Amino acid sequence: GRRLLNYSVLRTCRVSRLCVQVSEESMLSDIYRELLCGLEGSEIYFKPLSRYVFASERCDWAEVRERAWALSEIAIGFHLAGEPLCSLDPRTNAGISPRLWHPEDRILVLAEQL
């Protein structure tokens, strides 16, 4: 009884969080659909920045996401060279302004197996 109730509450909270995330960032619905419903088995990869941004080009996060999308990938975050942590689900409107990315930065994408 009590254990089932706790599981039900936790499951409801997770679904609620997914709904909030998708309402704030509609592109996440594609990510969750692929992760939870995809039969093809897309996986998460770190891809080199050079796949999306030319050397010495200023580019914002929204542009990087669009370029990944054009390659049938979903960009879900990035790792800046020299930083200990990744930035997951950075908000497009959070002011990640056009920047000169470091050549060793990496983009975290959801993509089909290489």
N, C-alpha and C. Protein backbone atom coordinates (compact mmCIF):
# COMPACT_ATOMS: atom_id res chain seq x y z
N GLY A 1 0.79 -1.18 0.00
CA GLY A 1 0.00 0.00 0.00
C GLY A 1 0.85 1.26 0.00
N ARG A 2 1.59 1.50 1.11
CA ARG A 2 2.35 2.74 1.24
C ARG A 2 3.45 2.86 0.18
N ARG A 3 4.11 1.73 -0.09
CA ARG A 3 5.19 1.74 -1.09
C ARG A 3 4.64 2.08 -2.47
N LEU A 4 3.49 1.51 -2.82
CA LEU A 4 2.85 1.79 -4.11
C LEU A 4 2.46 3.26 -4.19
N LEU A 5 1.96 3.82 -3.11
CA LEU A 5 1.58 5.23 -3.08
C LEU A 5 2.81 6.12 -3.30
N ASN A 6 3.92 5.81 -2.62
CA ASN A 6 5.16 6.59 -2.80
C ASN A 6 5.63 6.53 -4.25
N TYR A 7 5.60 5.35 -4.86
CA TYR A 7 6.01 5.21 -6.25
C TYR A 7 5.11 6.02 -7.17
N SER A 8 3.81 5.98 -6.90
CA SER A 8 2.85 6.73 -7.72
C SER A 8 3.10 8.22 -7.63
N VAL A 9 3.38 8.72 -6.44
CA VAL A 9 3.66 10.15 -6.25
C VAL A 9 4.94 10.54 -6.97
N LEU A 10 5.99 9.72 -6.83
CA LEU A 10 7.26 10.00 -7.51
C LEU A 10 7.08 10.01 -9.02
N ARG A 11 6.32 9.04 -9.54
CA ARG A 11 6.10 8.97 -10.99
C ARG A 11 5.35 10.21 -11.46
N THR A 12 4.36 10.64 -10.69
CA THR A 12 3.59 11.84 -11.04
C THR A 12 4.49 13.07 -11.03
N CYS A 13 5.38 13.16 -10.06
CA CYS A 13 6.31 14.30 -10.00
C CYS A 13 7.23 14.32 -11.21
N ARG A 14 7.72 13.17 -11.62
CA ARG A 14 8.60 13.11 -12.79
C ARG A 14 7.87 13.55 -14.05
N VAL A 15 6.66 13.07 -14.22
CA VAL A 15 5.87 13.45 -15.39
C VAL A 15 5.60 14.95 -15.36
N SER A 16 5.31 15.49 -14.18
CA SER A 16 5.06 16.93 -14.06
C SER A 16 6.31 17.73 -14.44
N ARG A 17 7.47 17.27 -14.00
CA ARG A 17 8.72 17.97 -14.34
C ARG A 17 8.98 17.93 -15.84
N LEU A 18 8.73 16.78 -16.46
CA LEU A 18 8.89 16.69 -17.91
C LEU A 18 7.96 17.67 -18.62
N CYS A 19 6.72 17.75 -18.16
CA CYS A 19 5.76 18.67 -18.78
C CYS A 19 6.21 20.12 -18.65
N VAL A 20 6.73 20.49 -17.49
CA VAL A 20 7.20 21.86 -17.28
C VAL A 20 8.39 22.14 -18.19
N GLN A 21 9.33 21.20 -18.27
CA GLN A 21 10.50 21.40 -19.13
C GLN A 21 10.09 21.57 -20.58
N VAL A 22 9.17 20.74 -21.05
CA VAL A 22 8.73 20.81 -22.44
C VAL A 22 7.97 22.10 -22.70
N SER A 23 7.20 22.57 -21.71
CA SER A 23 6.47 23.83 -21.91
C SER A 23 7.42 25.01 -21.98
N GLU A 24 8.54 24.96 -21.28
CA GLU A 24 9.51 26.04 -21.31
C GLU A 24 10.44 25.97 -22.51
N GLU A 25 10.69 24.77 -23.00
CA GLU A 25 11.63 24.57 -24.12
C GLU A 25 11.07 23.45 -25.00
N SER A 26 10.30 23.84 -26.02
CA SER A 26 9.56 22.86 -26.83
C SER A 26 10.45 21.83 -27.51
N MET A 27 11.70 22.16 -27.79
CA MET A 27 12.59 21.21 -28.46
C MET A 27 12.84 19.98 -27.58
N LEU A 28 12.65 20.11 -26.27
CA LEU A 28 12.85 18.98 -25.38
C LEU A 28 11.86 17.85 -25.64
N SER A 29 10.71 18.17 -26.20
CA SER A 29 9.74 17.10 -26.49
C SER A 29 10.34 16.10 -27.47
N ASP A 30 11.12 16.58 -28.44
CA ASP A 30 11.79 15.67 -29.38
C ASP A 30 12.80 14.78 -28.66
N ILE A 31 13.52 15.36 -27.72
CA ILE A 31 14.52 14.60 -26.96
C ILE A 31 13.83 13.51 -26.15
N TYR A 32 12.81 13.88 -25.39
CA TYR A 32 12.12 12.90 -24.56
C TYR A 32 11.42 11.84 -25.40
N ARG A 33 10.84 12.25 -26.52
CA ARG A 33 10.19 11.28 -27.41
C ARG A 33 11.22 10.25 -27.89
N GLU A 34 12.39 10.73 -28.29
CA GLU A 34 13.43 9.83 -28.78
C GLU A 34 13.95 8.92 -27.67
N LEU A 35 14.18 9.49 -26.49
CA LEU A 35 14.71 8.69 -25.38
C LEU A 35 13.71 7.67 -24.86
N LEU A 36 12.45 8.08 -24.75
CA LEU A 36 11.45 7.22 -24.11
C LEU A 36 10.69 6.34 -25.08
N CYS A 37 10.59 6.74 -26.34
CA CYS A 37 9.75 6.01 -27.29
C CYS A 37 10.50 5.50 -28.50
N GLY A 38 11.71 5.96 -28.70
CA GLY A 38 12.45 5.62 -29.91
C GLY A 38 12.84 4.15 -29.95
N LEU A 39 12.63 3.54 -31.08
CA LEU A 39 13.00 2.15 -31.26
C LEU A 39 14.37 2.01 -31.90
N GLU A 40 14.87 3.07 -32.47
CA GLU A 40 16.14 3.02 -33.18
C GLU A 40 17.33 3.06 -32.23
N GLY A 41 17.16 3.56 -31.04
CA GLY A 41 18.23 3.55 -30.07
C GLY A 41 19.24 4.68 -30.21
N SER A 42 18.77 5.90 -30.30
CA SER A 42 19.70 7.04 -30.30
C SER A 42 20.45 7.05 -28.97
N GLU A 43 21.65 7.59 -29.03
CA GLU A 43 22.49 7.65 -27.85
C GLU A 43 23.01 9.06 -27.66
N ILE A 44 23.62 9.30 -26.51
CA ILE A 44 24.19 10.61 -26.21
C ILE A 44 25.68 10.55 -26.48
N TYR A 45 26.16 11.54 -27.24
CA TYR A 45 27.58 11.61 -27.62
C TYR A 45 28.13 13.01 -27.36
N PHE A 46 29.43 13.07 -27.10
CA PHE A 46 30.16 14.33 -27.17
C PHE A 46 30.71 14.41 -28.58
N LYS A 47 30.40 15.49 -29.28
CA LYS A 47 30.92 15.69 -30.63
C LYS A 47 31.82 16.92 -30.62
N PRO A 48 32.83 16.93 -31.47
CA PRO A 48 33.74 18.08 -31.50
C PRO A 48 33.02 19.34 -31.98
N LEU A 49 33.39 20.44 -31.43
CA LEU A 49 32.80 21.73 -31.80
C LEU A 49 32.93 22.00 -33.29
N SER A 50 34.04 21.56 -33.88
CA SER A 50 34.30 21.83 -35.30
C SER A 50 33.21 21.27 -36.22
N ARG A 51 32.41 20.36 -35.72
CA ARG A 51 31.30 19.81 -36.50
C ARG A 51 30.21 20.86 -36.71
N TYR A 52 30.14 21.87 -35.84
CA TYR A 52 29.05 22.84 -35.86
C TYR A 52 29.50 24.28 -36.05
N VAL A 53 30.73 24.58 -35.68
CA VAL A 53 31.20 25.97 -35.70
C VAL A 53 32.56 26.03 -36.39
N PHE A 54 32.71 26.98 -37.31
CA PHE A 54 33.99 27.17 -37.98
C PHE A 54 34.99 27.83 -37.04
N ALA A 55 36.26 27.61 -37.30
CA ALA A 55 37.32 28.23 -36.49
C ALA A 55 37.16 29.75 -36.55
N SER A 56 37.34 30.40 -35.44
CA SER A 56 37.25 31.85 -35.26
C SER A 56 35.88 32.44 -35.65
N GLU A 57 34.84 31.64 -35.62
CA GLU A 57 33.48 32.13 -35.88
C GLU A 57 32.76 32.38 -34.56
N ARG A 58 32.11 33.52 -34.45
CA ARG A 58 31.29 33.80 -33.27
C ARG A 58 29.91 33.19 -33.51
N CYS A 59 29.44 32.46 -32.51
CA CYS A 59 28.20 31.73 -32.69
C CYS A 59 27.52 31.57 -31.33
N ASP A 60 26.19 31.75 -31.28
CA ASP A 60 25.49 31.56 -30.00
C ASP A 60 24.94 30.14 -29.91
N TRP A 61 24.42 29.79 -28.74
CA TRP A 61 23.94 28.44 -28.48
C TRP A 61 22.77 28.08 -29.41
N ALA A 62 21.89 29.01 -29.68
CA ALA A 62 20.75 28.73 -30.56
C ALA A 62 21.23 28.31 -31.95
N GLU A 63 22.27 28.95 -32.44
CA GLU A 63 22.81 28.61 -33.75
C GLU A 63 23.45 27.22 -33.73
N VAL A 64 24.16 26.91 -32.66
CA VAL A 64 24.77 25.58 -32.54
C VAL A 64 23.67 24.51 -32.56
N ARG A 65 22.59 24.77 -31.83
CA ARG A 65 21.47 23.80 -31.81
C ARG A 65 20.86 23.62 -33.19
N GLU A 66 20.69 24.72 -33.91
CA GLU A 66 20.12 24.63 -35.26
C GLU A 66 21.03 23.85 -36.20
N ARG A 67 22.33 24.04 -36.07
CA ARG A 67 23.27 23.32 -36.93
C ARG A 67 23.28 21.82 -36.60
N ALA A 68 23.16 21.50 -35.33
CA ALA A 68 23.06 20.08 -34.94
C ALA A 68 21.78 19.48 -35.50
N TRP A 69 20.69 20.22 -35.40
CA TRP A 69 19.40 19.76 -35.92
C TRP A 69 19.50 19.48 -37.42
N ALA A 70 20.22 20.32 -38.14
CA ALA A 70 20.39 20.12 -39.59
C ALA A 70 21.16 18.83 -39.89
N LEU A 71 21.91 18.33 -38.92
CA LEU A 71 22.65 17.08 -39.08
C LEU A 71 21.90 15.90 -38.47
N SER A 72 20.60 16.11 -38.19
CA SER A 72 19.75 15.08 -37.56
C SER A 72 20.22 14.72 -36.16
N GLU A 73 20.72 15.70 -35.45
CA GLU A 73 21.15 15.53 -34.07
C GLU A 73 20.41 16.54 -33.21
N ILE A 74 20.31 16.25 -31.93
CA ILE A 74 19.68 17.18 -31.00
C ILE A 74 20.73 17.59 -29.98
N ALA A 75 21.15 18.85 -30.03
CA ALA A 75 22.14 19.36 -29.09
C ALA A 75 21.46 19.59 -27.74
N ILE A 76 22.02 18.97 -26.69
CA ILE A 76 21.41 19.08 -25.37
C ILE A 76 22.33 19.73 -24.35
N GLY A 77 23.53 20.09 -24.77
CA GLY A 77 24.43 20.74 -23.83
C GLY A 77 25.82 20.89 -24.44
N PHE A 78 26.73 21.39 -23.61
CA PHE A 78 28.10 21.55 -24.09
C PHE A 78 29.06 21.45 -22.92
N HIS A 79 30.31 21.16 -23.26
CA HIS A 79 31.39 21.13 -22.27
C HIS A 79 32.46 22.09 -22.76
N LEU A 80 32.72 23.10 -21.97
CA LEU A 80 33.75 24.09 -22.31
C LEU A 80 35.11 23.57 -21.90
N ALA A 81 36.08 23.70 -22.79
CA ALA A 81 37.44 23.24 -22.51
C ALA A 81 37.94 23.83 -21.20
N GLY A 82 38.50 22.98 -20.36
CA GLY A 82 39.06 23.43 -19.09
C GLY A 82 38.06 23.52 -17.95
N GLU A 83 36.78 23.36 -18.23
CA GLU A 83 35.76 23.42 -17.18
C GLU A 83 35.49 22.01 -16.65
N PRO A 84 35.22 21.87 -15.35
CA PRO A 84 35.00 20.53 -14.81
C PRO A 84 33.62 19.95 -15.13
N LEU A 85 32.62 20.78 -15.38
CA LEU A 85 31.26 20.30 -15.58
C LEU A 85 30.70 20.71 -16.93
N CYS A 86 29.69 19.98 -17.35
CA CYS A 86 28.97 20.29 -18.59
C CYS A 86 27.81 21.22 -18.28
N SER A 87 27.37 21.92 -19.28
CA SER A 87 26.15 22.71 -19.18
C SER A 87 25.07 21.93 -19.93
N LEU A 88 24.11 21.40 -19.19
CA LEU A 88 23.02 20.63 -19.78
C LEU A 88 21.79 21.48 -19.94
N ASP A 89 21.13 21.35 -21.06
CA ASP A 89 19.90 22.07 -21.36
C ASP A 89 20.03 23.57 -21.11
N PRO A 90 21.09 24.20 -21.67
CA PRO A 90 21.18 25.65 -21.50
C PRO A 90 20.02 26.32 -22.21
N ARG A 91 19.42 27.27 -21.57
CA ARG A 91 18.27 27.95 -22.15
C ARG A 91 18.74 28.86 -23.28
N THR A 92 18.03 28.79 -24.38
CA THR A 92 18.37 29.62 -25.53
C THR A 92 18.25 31.09 -25.19
N ASN A 93 17.28 31.42 -24.36
CA ASN A 93 17.05 32.83 -24.01
C ASN A 93 17.81 33.26 -22.77
N ALA A 94 18.75 32.45 -22.30
CA ALA A 94 19.45 32.76 -21.05
C ALA A 94 20.64 33.69 -21.27
N GLY A 95 20.77 34.21 -22.46
CA GLY A 95 21.84 35.17 -22.69
C GLY A 95 23.17 34.55 -23.03
N ILE A 96 23.17 33.33 -23.56
CA ILE A 96 24.41 32.76 -24.05
C ILE A 96 24.64 33.43 -25.39
N SER A 97 25.23 34.60 -25.33
CA SER A 97 25.38 35.44 -26.51
C SER A 97 26.42 34.87 -27.46
N PRO A 98 26.44 35.40 -28.69
CA PRO A 98 27.47 34.92 -29.62
C PRO A 98 28.84 35.01 -28.96
N ARG A 99 29.58 33.95 -29.08
CA ARG A 99 30.87 33.88 -28.43
C ARG A 99 31.86 33.21 -29.35
N LEU A 100 33.09 33.41 -29.06
CA LEU A 100 34.16 32.71 -29.75
C LEU A 100 34.43 31.46 -28.94
N TRP A 101 34.00 30.33 -29.45
CA TRP A 101 34.16 29.06 -28.75
C TRP A 101 35.61 28.60 -28.85
N HIS A 102 36.05 27.84 -27.87
CA HIS A 102 37.40 27.28 -27.89
C HIS A 102 37.39 26.03 -28.78
N PRO A 103 38.42 25.80 -29.58
CA PRO A 103 38.44 24.64 -30.48
C PRO A 103 38.25 23.29 -29.78
N GLU A 104 38.58 23.22 -28.48
CA GLU A 104 38.44 21.96 -27.76
C GLU A 104 37.12 21.84 -27.01
N ASP A 105 36.23 22.82 -27.14
CA ASP A 105 34.89 22.69 -26.57
C ASP A 105 34.18 21.54 -27.27
N ARG A 106 33.26 20.90 -26.57
CA ARG A 106 32.53 19.78 -27.16
C ARG A 106 31.03 20.01 -26.99
N ILE A 107 30.26 19.50 -27.93
CA ILE A 107 28.81 19.62 -27.90
C ILE A 107 28.22 18.26 -27.56
N LEU A 108 27.29 18.24 -26.63
CA LEU A 108 26.61 17.01 -26.21
C LEU A 108 25.35 16.89 -27.04
N VAL A 109 25.24 15.78 -27.78
CA VAL A 109 24.11 15.61 -28.68
C VAL A 109 23.45 14.25 -28.50
N LEU A 110 22.19 14.22 -28.84
CA LEU A 110 21.45 12.98 -28.95
C LEU A 110 21.47 12.63 -30.43
N ALA A 111 22.04 11.48 -30.79
CA ALA A 111 22.20 11.12 -32.20
C ALA A 111 22.14 9.61 -32.35
N GLU A 112 21.88 9.17 -33.56
CA GLU A 112 21.90 7.74 -33.83
C GLU A 112 23.33 7.25 -33.76
N GLN A 113 23.47 5.98 -33.50
CA GLN A 113 24.79 5.39 -33.35
C GLN A 113 25.66 5.66 -34.56
N LEU A 114 26.92 5.96 -34.29
CA LEU A 114 27.88 6.27 -35.36
C LEU A 114 28.11 5.09 -36.27
